[in-house]
Full PDB file with SEQRES, HELIX, SHEET, SSBOND, CRYST1, ORIGX, SCALE, CONECT and MASTER records, all heavy atoms in Angstrom:
SEQRES   1 A   39  ASP HIS ILE GLY HIS PRO PHE GLU GLU LEU HIS THR LYS          
SEQRES   2 A   39  ALA ALA VAL PRO THR ALA GLN ILE GLU THR THR PHE THR          
SEQRES   3 A   39  ALA PRO SER HIS HIS GLY ASP MET LEU ASP ILE ARG LEU          
HELIX    1 AA1 PHE A    7  LEU A   10  1                                   4    
CRYST1    1.000    1.000    1.000  90.00  90.00  90.00 P 1           1          
ORIGX1      1.000000  0.000000  0.000000        0.00000                         
ORIGX2      0.000000  1.000000  0.000000        0.00000                         
ORIGX3      0.000000  0.000000  1.000000        0.00000                         
SCALE1      1.000000  0.000000  0.000000        0.00000                         
SCALE2      0.000000  1.000000  0.000000        0.00000                         
SCALE3      0.000000  0.000000  1.000000        0.00000                         
ATOM      1  N   ASP A   1    -176.653  -5.852  54.631  1.00  0.00           N  
ATOM      2  CA  ASP A   1    -175.457  -5.308  53.991  1.00  0.00           C  
ATOM      3  C   ASP A   1    -174.463  -4.895  55.040  1.00  0.00           C  
ATOM      4  O   ASP A   1    -173.234  -5.012  54.979  1.00  0.00           O  
ATOM      5  CB  ASP A   1    -175.858  -4.071  53.164  1.00  0.00           C  
ATOM      6  CG  ASP A   1    -176.513  -4.380  51.864  1.00  0.00           C  
ATOM      7  OD1 ASP A   1    -176.533  -5.624  51.406  1.00  0.00           O  
ATOM      8  OD2 ASP A   1    -177.170  -3.512  51.210  1.00  0.00           O  
ATOM      9  N   HIS A   2    -174.934  -4.179  56.104  1.00  0.00           N  
ATOM     10  CA  HIS A   2    -174.131  -3.582  57.106  1.00  0.00           C  
ATOM     11  C   HIS A   2    -173.318  -4.681  57.955  1.00  0.00           C  
ATOM     12  O   HIS A   2    -172.195  -4.483  58.240  1.00  0.00           O  
ATOM     13  CB  HIS A   2    -175.011  -2.808  58.172  1.00  0.00           C  
ATOM     14  CG  HIS A   2    -174.302  -2.380  59.455  1.00  0.00           C  
ATOM     15  ND1 HIS A   2    -173.562  -1.322  59.396  1.00  0.00           N  
ATOM     16  CD2 HIS A   2    -174.287  -2.809  60.626  1.00  0.00           C  
ATOM     17  CE1 HIS A   2    -172.998  -1.079  60.669  1.00  0.00           C  
ATOM     18  NE2 HIS A   2    -173.526  -2.000  61.387  1.00  0.00           N  
ATOM     19  N   ILE A   3    -173.959  -5.830  58.052  1.00  0.00           N  
ATOM     20  CA  ILE A   3    -173.184  -6.941  58.834  1.00  0.00           C  
ATOM     21  C   ILE A   3    -172.379  -7.807  57.784  1.00  0.00           C  
ATOM     22  O   ILE A   3    -171.811  -8.780  58.287  1.00  0.00           O  
ATOM     23  CB  ILE A   3    -174.184  -7.868  59.664  1.00  0.00           C  
ATOM     24  CG1 ILE A   3    -175.173  -8.538  58.759  1.00  0.00           C  
ATOM     25  CG2 ILE A   3    -174.867  -6.998  60.674  1.00  0.00           C  
ATOM     26  CD1 ILE A   3    -175.962  -9.577  59.576  1.00  0.00           C  
ATOM     27  N   GLY A   4    -172.318  -7.348  56.529  1.00  0.00           N  
ATOM     28  CA  GLY A   4    -171.444  -8.093  55.640  1.00  0.00           C  
ATOM     29  C   GLY A   4    -172.096  -9.356  54.917  1.00  0.00           C  
ATOM     30  O   GLY A   4    -171.280 -10.255  54.381  1.00  0.00           O  
ATOM     31  N   HIS A   5    -173.421  -9.471  54.955  1.00  0.00           N  
ATOM     32  CA  HIS A   5    -174.051 -10.540  54.269  1.00  0.00           C  
ATOM     33  C   HIS A   5    -175.077  -9.999  53.374  1.00  0.00           C  
ATOM     34  O   HIS A   5    -176.424 -10.078  53.703  1.00  0.00           O  
ATOM     35  CB  HIS A   5    -174.633 -11.499  55.329  1.00  0.00           C  
ATOM     36  CG  HIS A   5    -173.554 -12.073  56.131  1.00  0.00           C  
ATOM     37  ND1 HIS A   5    -172.984 -13.405  55.780  1.00  0.00           N  
ATOM     38  CD2 HIS A   5    -173.014 -11.873  57.381  1.00  0.00           C  
ATOM     39  CE1 HIS A   5    -172.063 -13.697  56.674  1.00  0.00           C  
ATOM     40  NE2 HIS A   5    -172.141 -12.804  57.670  1.00  0.00           N  
ATOM     41  N   PRO A   6    -174.758  -9.391  52.293  1.00  0.00           N  
ATOM     42  CA  PRO A   6    -175.701  -8.629  51.450  1.00  0.00           C  
ATOM     43  C   PRO A   6    -176.776  -9.635  50.972  1.00  0.00           C  
ATOM     44  O   PRO A   6    -176.526 -10.765  50.671  1.00  0.00           O  
ATOM     45  CB  PRO A   6    -174.798  -8.184  50.270  1.00  0.00           C  
ATOM     46  CG  PRO A   6    -173.493  -8.193  50.722  1.00  0.00           C  
ATOM     47  CD  PRO A   6    -173.394  -9.213  51.730  1.00  0.00           C  
ATOM     48  N   PHE A   7    -177.987  -9.091  50.849  1.00  0.00           N  
ATOM     49  CA  PHE A   7    -179.144  -9.862  50.448  1.00  0.00           C  
ATOM     50  C   PHE A   7    -178.974 -10.460  48.977  1.00  0.00           C  
ATOM     51  O   PHE A   7    -179.359 -11.531  48.733  1.00  0.00           O  
ATOM     52  CB  PHE A   7    -180.458  -9.030  50.410  1.00  0.00           C  
ATOM     53  CG  PHE A   7    -181.401  -9.242  51.462  1.00  0.00           C  
ATOM     54  CD1 PHE A   7    -180.958  -9.814  52.743  1.00  0.00           C  
ATOM     55  CD2 PHE A   7    -182.764  -9.131  51.273  1.00  0.00           C  
ATOM     56  CE1 PHE A   7    -181.882 -10.051  53.741  1.00  0.00           C  
ATOM     57  CE2 PHE A   7    -183.646  -9.438  52.384  1.00  0.00           C  
ATOM     58  CZ  PHE A   7    -183.155  -9.846  53.707  1.00  0.00           C  
ATOM     59  N   GLU A   8    -178.334  -9.712  48.083  1.00  0.00           N  
ATOM     60  CA  GLU A   8    -178.152 -10.159  46.805  1.00  0.00           C  
ATOM     61  C   GLU A   8    -177.249 -11.417  46.760  1.00  0.00           C  
ATOM     62  O   GLU A   8    -177.397 -12.195  45.917  1.00  0.00           O  
ATOM     63  CB  GLU A   8    -177.580  -9.109  45.838  1.00  0.00           C  
ATOM     64  CG  GLU A   8    -176.331  -8.541  46.159  1.00  0.00           C  
ATOM     65  CD  GLU A   8    -176.272  -7.357  47.102  1.00  0.00           C  
ATOM     66  OE1 GLU A   8    -177.266  -7.122  47.721  1.00  0.00           O  
ATOM     67  OE2 GLU A   8    -175.342  -6.631  47.107  1.00  0.00           O  
ATOM     68  N   GLU A   9    -176.345 -11.494  47.664  1.00  0.00           N  
ATOM     69  CA  GLU A   9    -175.520 -12.813  47.762  1.00  0.00           C  
ATOM     70  C   GLU A   9    -176.287 -13.991  48.557  1.00  0.00           C  
ATOM     71  O   GLU A   9    -176.378 -15.027  48.016  1.00  0.00           O  
ATOM     72  CB  GLU A   9    -174.210 -12.555  48.578  1.00  0.00           C  
ATOM     73  CG  GLU A   9    -173.369 -11.581  47.693  1.00  0.00           C  
ATOM     74  CD  GLU A   9    -172.174 -11.164  48.520  1.00  0.00           C  
ATOM     75  OE1 GLU A   9    -171.835 -11.727  49.512  1.00  0.00           O  
ATOM     76  OE2 GLU A   9    -171.490 -10.268  47.981  1.00  0.00           O  
ATOM     77  N   LEU A  10    -176.884 -13.517  49.593  1.00  0.00           N  
ATOM     78  CA  LEU A  10    -177.782 -14.518  50.315  1.00  0.00           C  
ATOM     79  C   LEU A  10    -178.824 -15.118  49.613  1.00  0.00           C  
ATOM     80  O   LEU A  10    -179.147 -16.352  49.682  1.00  0.00           O  
ATOM     81  CB  LEU A  10    -178.320 -13.786  51.546  1.00  0.00           C  
ATOM     82  CG  LEU A  10    -179.100 -14.664  52.594  1.00  0.00           C  
ATOM     83  CD1 LEU A  10    -178.284 -15.803  53.057  1.00  0.00           C  
ATOM     84  CD2 LEU A  10    -179.628 -13.773  53.737  1.00  0.00           C  
ATOM     85  N   HIS A  11    -179.463 -14.369  48.661  1.00  0.00           N  
ATOM     86  CA  HIS A  11    -180.658 -14.785  47.970  1.00  0.00           C  
ATOM     87  C   HIS A  11    -180.266 -15.568  46.633  1.00  0.00           C  
ATOM     88  O   HIS A  11    -181.179 -15.887  45.841  1.00  0.00           O  
ATOM     89  CB  HIS A  11    -181.599 -13.596  47.543  1.00  0.00           C  
ATOM     90  CG  HIS A  11    -182.390 -13.219  48.717  1.00  0.00           C  
ATOM     91  ND1 HIS A  11    -181.902 -12.545  49.837  1.00  0.00           N  
ATOM     92  CD2 HIS A  11    -183.723 -13.561  49.138  1.00  0.00           C  
ATOM     93  CE1 HIS A  11    -182.891 -12.378  50.712  1.00  0.00           C  
ATOM     94  NE2 HIS A  11    -184.043 -12.940  50.252  1.00  0.00           N  
ATOM     95  N   THR A  12    -179.034 -15.873  46.484  1.00  0.00           N  
ATOM     96  CA  THR A  12    -178.602 -16.724  45.262  1.00  0.00           C  
ATOM     97  C   THR A  12    -178.998 -18.135  45.481  1.00  0.00           C  
ATOM     98  O   THR A  12    -179.289 -18.930  44.629  1.00  0.00           O  
ATOM     99  CB  THR A  12    -177.201 -16.511  44.890  1.00  0.00           C  
ATOM    100  OG1 THR A  12    -176.316 -16.950  45.901  1.00  0.00           O  
ATOM    101  CG2 THR A  12    -176.790 -15.202  44.554  1.00  0.00           C  
ATOM    102  N   LYS A  13    -178.869 -18.602  46.819  1.00  0.00           N  
ATOM    103  CA  LYS A  13    -179.140 -19.982  47.161  1.00  0.00           C  
ATOM    104  C   LYS A  13    -180.229 -20.209  48.164  1.00  0.00           C  
ATOM    105  O   LYS A  13    -180.523 -21.301  48.469  1.00  0.00           O  
ATOM    106  CB  LYS A  13    -177.813 -20.742  47.581  1.00  0.00           C  
ATOM    107  CG  LYS A  13    -176.769 -20.716  46.543  1.00  0.00           C  
ATOM    108  CD  LYS A  13    -175.533 -21.333  46.929  1.00  0.00           C  
ATOM    109  CE  LYS A  13    -174.463 -21.241  45.905  1.00  0.00           C  
ATOM    110  NZ  LYS A  13    -173.250 -21.621  46.357  1.00  0.00           N  
ATOM    111  N   ALA A  14    -180.709 -19.151  48.720  1.00  0.00           N  
ATOM    112  CA  ALA A  14    -181.662 -19.115  49.767  1.00  0.00           C  
ATOM    113  C   ALA A  14    -182.536 -17.902  49.747  1.00  0.00           C  
ATOM    114  O   ALA A  14    -182.390 -17.124  48.891  1.00  0.00           O  
ATOM    115  CB  ALA A  14    -180.955 -19.344  51.148  1.00  0.00           C  
ATOM    116  N   ALA A  15    -183.408 -17.754  50.783  1.00  0.00           N  
ATOM    117  CA  ALA A  15    -184.172 -16.543  50.871  1.00  0.00           C  
ATOM    118  C   ALA A  15    -184.483 -16.305  52.392  1.00  0.00           C  
ATOM    119  O   ALA A  15    -184.239 -17.212  53.104  1.00  0.00           O  
ATOM    120  CB  ALA A  15    -185.500 -16.633  50.084  1.00  0.00           C  
ATOM    121  N   VAL A  16    -184.992 -15.159  52.731  1.00  0.00           N  
ATOM    122  CA  VAL A  16    -185.247 -14.774  54.088  1.00  0.00           C  
ATOM    123  C   VAL A  16    -186.713 -14.036  54.106  1.00  0.00           C  
ATOM    124  O   VAL A  16    -186.708 -12.882  54.206  1.00  0.00           O  
ATOM    125  CB  VAL A  16    -184.207 -13.895  54.693  1.00  0.00           C  
ATOM    126  CG1 VAL A  16    -184.452 -13.702  56.229  1.00  0.00           C  
ATOM    127  CG2 VAL A  16    -182.841 -14.490  54.471  1.00  0.00           C  
ATOM    128  N   PRO A  17    -187.615 -14.854  53.871  1.00  0.00           N  
ATOM    129  CA  PRO A  17    -189.004 -14.270  53.823  1.00  0.00           C  
ATOM    130  C   PRO A  17    -189.538 -13.890  55.266  1.00  0.00           C  
ATOM    131  O   PRO A  17    -188.982 -14.524  56.286  1.00  0.00           O  
ATOM    132  CB  PRO A  17    -189.946 -15.251  53.248  1.00  0.00           C  
ATOM    133  CG  PRO A  17    -189.267 -16.547  53.580  1.00  0.00           C  
ATOM    134  CD  PRO A  17    -187.740 -16.277  53.540  1.00  0.00           C  
ATOM    135  N   THR A  18    -190.454 -13.020  55.427  1.00  0.00           N  
ATOM    136  CA  THR A  18    -191.137 -12.635  56.700  1.00  0.00           C  
ATOM    137  C   THR A  18    -192.284 -13.747  56.865  1.00  0.00           C  
ATOM    138  O   THR A  18    -193.168 -13.827  56.145  1.00  0.00           O  
ATOM    139  CB  THR A  18    -191.669 -11.296  56.619  1.00  0.00           C  
ATOM    140  OG1 THR A  18    -190.586 -10.401  56.364  1.00  0.00           O  
ATOM    141  CG2 THR A  18    -192.245 -10.950  57.966  1.00  0.00           C  
ATOM    142  N   ALA A  19    -192.176 -14.418  58.074  1.00  0.00           N  
ATOM    143  CA  ALA A  19    -193.119 -15.382  58.376  1.00  0.00           C  
ATOM    144  C   ALA A  19    -194.312 -14.902  59.319  1.00  0.00           C  
ATOM    145  O   ALA A  19    -195.390 -15.340  59.287  1.00  0.00           O  
ATOM    146  CB  ALA A  19    -192.516 -16.536  59.061  1.00  0.00           C  
ATOM    147  N   GLN A  20    -193.929 -13.753  59.990  1.00  0.00           N  
ATOM    148  CA  GLN A  20    -194.939 -13.224  60.854  1.00  0.00           C  
ATOM    149  C   GLN A  20    -194.486 -11.805  61.183  1.00  0.00           C  
ATOM    150  O   GLN A  20    -193.346 -11.447  61.221  1.00  0.00           O  
ATOM    151  CB  GLN A  20    -194.923 -13.956  62.240  1.00  0.00           C  
ATOM    152  CG  GLN A  20    -195.760 -13.298  63.267  1.00  0.00           C  
ATOM    153  CD  GLN A  20    -195.076 -12.261  64.240  1.00  0.00           C  
ATOM    154  OE1 GLN A  20    -193.877 -12.239  64.230  1.00  0.00           O  
ATOM    155  NE2 GLN A  20    -195.917 -11.392  64.802  1.00  0.00           N  
ATOM    156  N   ILE A  21    -195.465 -10.807  61.128  1.00  0.00           N  
ATOM    157  CA  ILE A  21    -195.054  -9.414  61.470  1.00  0.00           C  
ATOM    158  C   ILE A  21    -196.326  -8.944  62.342  1.00  0.00           C  
ATOM    159  O   ILE A  21    -197.513  -9.211  62.071  1.00  0.00           O  
ATOM    160  CB  ILE A  21    -194.764  -8.654  60.272  1.00  0.00           C  
ATOM    161  CG1 ILE A  21    -194.303  -7.276  60.604  1.00  0.00           C  
ATOM    162  CG2 ILE A  21    -196.155  -8.631  59.337  1.00  0.00           C  
ATOM    163  CD1 ILE A  21    -193.723  -6.619  59.403  1.00  0.00           C  
ATOM    164  N   GLU A  22    -196.018  -8.080  63.264  1.00  0.00           N  
ATOM    165  CA  GLU A  22    -196.995  -7.269  64.086  1.00  0.00           C  
ATOM    166  C   GLU A  22    -196.597  -5.872  64.173  1.00  0.00           C  
ATOM    167  O   GLU A  22    -195.446  -5.560  64.502  1.00  0.00           O  
ATOM    168  CB  GLU A  22    -197.171  -7.913  65.460  1.00  0.00           C  
ATOM    169  CG  GLU A  22    -198.218  -7.344  66.300  1.00  0.00           C  
ATOM    170  CD  GLU A  22    -198.311  -8.077  67.635  1.00  0.00           C  
ATOM    171  OE1 GLU A  22    -198.263  -9.241  67.743  1.00  0.00           O  
ATOM    172  OE2 GLU A  22    -198.588  -7.329  68.700  1.00  0.00           O  
ATOM    173  N   THR A  23    -197.485  -4.973  63.875  1.00  0.00           N  
ATOM    174  CA  THR A  23    -197.196  -3.565  63.834  1.00  0.00           C  
ATOM    175  C   THR A  23    -198.218  -2.654  64.620  1.00  0.00           C  
ATOM    176  O   THR A  23    -199.418  -3.009  64.529  1.00  0.00           O  
ATOM    177  CB  THR A  23    -196.987  -3.169  62.329  1.00  0.00           C  
ATOM    178  OG1 THR A  23    -196.184  -3.903  61.700  1.00  0.00           O  
ATOM    179  CG2 THR A  23    -196.484  -1.805  62.329  1.00  0.00           C  
ATOM    180  N   THR A  24    -197.740  -1.736  65.298  1.00  0.00           N  
ATOM    181  CA  THR A  24    -198.548  -0.664  65.998  1.00  0.00           C  
ATOM    182  C   THR A  24    -198.217   0.596  65.353  1.00  0.00           C  
ATOM    183  O   THR A  24    -196.942   1.054  65.409  1.00  0.00           O  
ATOM    184  CB  THR A  24    -198.414  -0.732  67.414  1.00  0.00           C  
ATOM    185  OG1 THR A  24    -198.653  -1.956  67.934  1.00  0.00           O  
ATOM    186  CG2 THR A  24    -199.346   0.312  68.076  1.00  0.00           C  
ATOM    187  N   PHE A  25    -199.065   1.378  64.818  1.00  0.00           N  
ATOM    188  CA  PHE A  25    -198.922   2.745  64.320  1.00  0.00           C  
ATOM    189  C   PHE A  25    -199.386   3.689  65.399  1.00  0.00           C  
ATOM    190  O   PHE A  25    -200.658   3.571  65.738  1.00  0.00           O  
ATOM    191  CB  PHE A  25    -199.715   2.899  62.992  1.00  0.00           C  
ATOM    192  CG  PHE A  25    -199.306   1.838  61.924  1.00  0.00           C  
ATOM    193  CD1 PHE A  25    -200.185   0.853  61.719  1.00  0.00           C  
ATOM    194  CD2 PHE A  25    -198.104   1.956  61.250  1.00  0.00           C  
ATOM    195  CE1 PHE A  25    -199.904  -0.185  60.732  1.00  0.00           C  
ATOM    196  CE2 PHE A  25    -197.764   1.072  60.285  1.00  0.00           C  
ATOM    197  CZ  PHE A  25    -198.557   0.070  59.979  1.00  0.00           C  
ATOM    198  N   THR A  26    -198.509   4.601  65.859  1.00  0.00           N  
ATOM    199  CA  THR A  26    -198.827   5.336  67.008  1.00  0.00           C  
ATOM    200  C   THR A  26    -199.075   6.854  66.610  1.00  0.00           C  
ATOM    201  O   THR A  26    -199.705   7.561  67.276  1.00  0.00           O  
ATOM    202  CB  THR A  26    -197.805   5.344  67.967  1.00  0.00           C  
ATOM    203  OG1 THR A  26    -196.544   5.633  67.412  1.00  0.00           O  
ATOM    204  CG2 THR A  26    -197.689   3.948  68.685  1.00  0.00           C  
ATOM    205  N   ALA A  27    -198.516   7.352  65.499  1.00  0.00           N  
ATOM    206  CA  ALA A  27    -198.747   8.672  65.073  1.00  0.00           C  
ATOM    207  C   ALA A  27    -198.399   8.833  63.478  1.00  0.00           C  
ATOM    208  O   ALA A  27    -197.737   7.981  63.058  1.00  0.00           O  
ATOM    209  CB  ALA A  27    -197.897   9.595  65.736  1.00  0.00           C  
ATOM    210  N   PRO A  28    -199.109   9.674  62.796  1.00  0.00           N  
ATOM    211  CA  PRO A  28    -198.934   9.755  61.363  1.00  0.00           C  
ATOM    212  C   PRO A  28    -197.577  10.393  61.036  1.00  0.00           C  
ATOM    213  O   PRO A  28    -197.026  11.232  61.856  1.00  0.00           O  
ATOM    214  CB  PRO A  28    -200.097  10.609  60.873  1.00  0.00           C  
ATOM    215  CG  PRO A  28    -200.450  11.431  62.034  1.00  0.00           C  
ATOM    216  CD  PRO A  28    -200.116  10.697  63.198  1.00  0.00           C  
ATOM    217  N   SER A  29    -197.023   9.964  59.861  1.00  0.00           N  
ATOM    218  CA  SER A  29    -195.772  10.634  59.409  1.00  0.00           C  
ATOM    219  C   SER A  29    -196.305  11.452  58.094  1.00  0.00           C  
ATOM    220  O   SER A  29    -197.157  10.914  57.378  1.00  0.00           O  
ATOM    221  CB  SER A  29    -194.792   9.580  59.002  1.00  0.00           C  
ATOM    222  OG  SER A  29    -194.281   8.974  60.223  1.00  0.00           O  
ATOM    223  N   HIS A  30    -195.616  12.544  57.837  1.00  0.00           N  
ATOM    224  CA  HIS A  30    -196.072  13.456  56.769  1.00  0.00           C  
ATOM    225  C   HIS A  30    -195.018  13.514  55.769  1.00  0.00           C  
ATOM    226  O   HIS A  30    -193.779  13.349  56.091  1.00  0.00           O  
ATOM    227  CB  HIS A  30    -196.372  14.729  57.314  1.00  0.00           C  
ATOM    228  CG  HIS A  30    -197.604  14.658  58.249  1.00  0.00           C  
ATOM    229  ND1 HIS A  30    -197.439  14.525  59.556  1.00  0.00           N  
ATOM    230  CD2 HIS A  30    -198.875  14.759  57.990  1.00  0.00           C  
ATOM    231  CE1 HIS A  30    -198.560  14.470  60.205  1.00  0.00           C  
ATOM    232  NE2 HIS A  30    -199.550  14.711  59.245  1.00  0.00           N  
ATOM    233  N   HIS A  31    -195.413  13.896  54.552  1.00  0.00           N  
ATOM    234  CA  HIS A  31    -194.343  14.121  53.393  1.00  0.00           C  
ATOM    235  C   HIS A  31    -193.275  15.066  53.985  1.00  0.00           C  
ATOM    236  O   HIS A  31    -193.695  16.120  54.596  1.00  0.00           O  
ATOM    237  CB  HIS A  31    -195.136  14.716  52.263  1.00  0.00           C  
ATOM    238  CG  HIS A  31    -194.385  14.867  51.064  1.00  0.00           C  
ATOM    239  ND1 HIS A  31    -194.775  15.685  49.975  1.00  0.00           N  
ATOM    240  CD2 HIS A  31    -193.195  14.405  50.637  1.00  0.00           C  
ATOM    241  CE1 HIS A  31    -193.855  15.725  48.968  1.00  0.00           C  
ATOM    242  NE2 HIS A  31    -192.855  14.788  49.421  1.00  0.00           N  
ATOM    243  N   GLY A  32    -192.020  14.695  53.749  1.00  0.00           N  
ATOM    244  CA  GLY A  32    -190.899  15.492  54.118  1.00  0.00           C  
ATOM    245  C   GLY A  32    -190.361  15.127  55.615  1.00  0.00           C  
ATOM    246  O   GLY A  32    -189.185  15.509  55.922  1.00  0.00           O  
ATOM    247  N   ASP A  33    -191.187  14.366  56.325  1.00  0.00           N  
ATOM    248  CA  ASP A  33    -190.555  13.967  57.701  1.00  0.00           C  
ATOM    249  C   ASP A  33    -189.296  13.230  57.475  1.00  0.00           C  
ATOM    250  O   ASP A  33    -189.156  12.454  56.460  1.00  0.00           O  
ATOM    251  CB  ASP A  33    -191.581  13.174  58.446  1.00  0.00           C  
ATOM    252  CG  ASP A  33    -192.745  13.984  59.095  1.00  0.00           C  
ATOM    253  OD1 ASP A  33    -192.601  15.274  59.060  1.00  0.00           O  
ATOM    254  OD2 ASP A  33    -193.626  13.371  59.552  1.00  0.00           O  
ATOM    255  N   MET A  34    -188.459  13.232  58.435  1.00  0.00           N  
ATOM    256  CA  MET A  34    -187.176  12.322  58.357  1.00  0.00           C  
ATOM    257  C   MET A  34    -187.409  11.255  59.501  1.00  0.00           C  
ATOM    258  O   MET A  34    -187.442  11.611  60.718  1.00  0.00           O  
ATOM    259  CB  MET A  34    -186.004  13.220  58.648  1.00  0.00           C  
ATOM    260  CG  MET A  34    -184.683  12.373  58.402  1.00  0.00           C  
ATOM    261  SD  MET A  34    -184.409  11.663  56.772  1.00  0.00           S  
ATOM    262  CE  MET A  34    -184.088  13.255  55.882  1.00  0.00           C  
ATOM    263  N   LEU A  35    -187.552  10.081  59.058  1.00  0.00           N  
ATOM    264  CA  LEU A  35    -187.842   8.926  59.937  1.00  0.00           C  
ATOM    265  C   LEU A  35    -186.474   8.344  60.413  1.00  0.00           C  
ATOM    266  O   LEU A  35    -185.570   8.113  59.541  1.00  0.00           O  
ATOM    267  CB  LEU A  35    -188.693   7.821  59.355  1.00  0.00           C  
ATOM    268  CG  LEU A  35    -190.118   8.183  59.031  1.00  0.00           C  
ATOM    269  CD1 LEU A  35    -190.756   7.109  58.287  1.00  0.00           C  
ATOM    270  CD2 LEU A  35    -190.905   8.368  60.291  1.00  0.00           C  
ATOM    271  N   ASP A  36    -186.287   8.045  61.645  1.00  0.00           N  
ATOM    272  CA  ASP A  36    -185.290   7.171  62.102  1.00  0.00           C  
ATOM    273  C   ASP A  36    -185.840   5.835  62.377  1.00  0.00           C  
ATOM    274  O   ASP A  36    -186.756   5.704  63.224  1.00  0.00           O  
ATOM    275  CB  ASP A  36    -184.698   7.776  63.467  1.00  0.00           C  
ATOM    276  CG  ASP A  36    -184.074   9.057  63.357  1.00  0.00           C  
ATOM    277  OD1 ASP A  36    -183.164   9.276  62.390  1.00  0.00           O  
ATOM    278  OD2 ASP A  36    -184.538  10.166  63.918  1.00  0.00           O  
ATOM    279  N   ILE A  37    -185.315   4.840  61.723  1.00  0.00           N  
ATOM    280  CA  ILE A  37    -185.788   3.420  61.819  1.00  0.00           C  
ATOM    281  C   ILE A  37    -184.721   2.619  62.426  1.00  0.00           C  
ATOM    282  O   ILE A  37    -183.634   2.496  61.901  1.00  0.00           O  
ATOM    283  CB  ILE A  37    -186.226   2.854  60.453  1.00  0.00           C  
ATOM    284  CG1 ILE A  37    -187.307   3.813  59.842  1.00  0.00           C  
ATOM    285  CG2 ILE A  37    -186.754   1.550  60.586  1.00  0.00           C  
ATOM    286  CD1 ILE A  37    -187.618   3.434  58.403  1.00  0.00           C  
ATOM    287  N   ARG A  38    -185.021   2.091  63.714  1.00  0.00           N  
ATOM    288  CA  ARG A  38    -184.010   1.314  64.371  1.00  0.00           C  
ATOM    289  C   ARG A  38    -184.417  -0.129  64.343  1.00  0.00           C  
ATOM    290  O   ARG A  38    -185.603  -0.447  64.525  1.00  0.00           O  
ATOM    291  CB  ARG A  38    -183.952   1.817  65.914  1.00  0.00           C  
ATOM    292  CG  ARG A  38    -183.078   1.012  66.680  1.00  0.00           C  
ATOM    293  CD  ARG A  38    -183.105   1.626  68.117  1.00  0.00           C  
ATOM    294  NE  ARG A  38    -182.499   0.652  69.014  1.00  0.00           N  
ATOM    295  CZ  ARG A  38    -183.251  -0.287  69.613  1.00  0.00           C  
ATOM    296  NH1 ARG A  38    -184.540  -0.433  69.361  1.00  0.00           N  
ATOM    297  NH2 ARG A  38    -182.680  -1.111  70.445  1.00  0.00           N  
ATOM    298  N   LEU A  39    -183.506  -0.994  63.986  1.00  0.00           N  
ATOM    299  CA  LEU A  39    -183.808  -2.449  63.918  1.00  0.00           C  
ATOM    300  C   LEU A  39    -182.919  -3.164  65.001  1.00  0.00           C  
ATOM    301  O   LEU A  39    -181.779  -2.808  64.949  1.00  0.00           O  
ATOM    302  CB  LEU A  39    -183.345  -3.008  62.550  1.00  0.00           C  
ATOM    303  CG  LEU A  39    -183.578  -4.487  62.274  1.00  0.00           C  
ATOM    304  CD1 LEU A  39    -183.920  -4.684  60.751  1.00  0.00           C  
ATOM    305  CD2 LEU A  39    -182.344  -5.279  62.651  1.00  0.00           C  
TER     306      LEU A  39                                                      
MASTER        0    0    0    1    0    0    0    6  305    1    0    3          
END                                                                             
């Protein structure tokens, strides 16, 4: 959305599935925490 290519428009004729993902969880997050998620 931020870059001007909303998913709802992109997904009318195509899709962008996740083919591979790798994640490391380093500490727990608790109810009420405010997460900053950087992509």
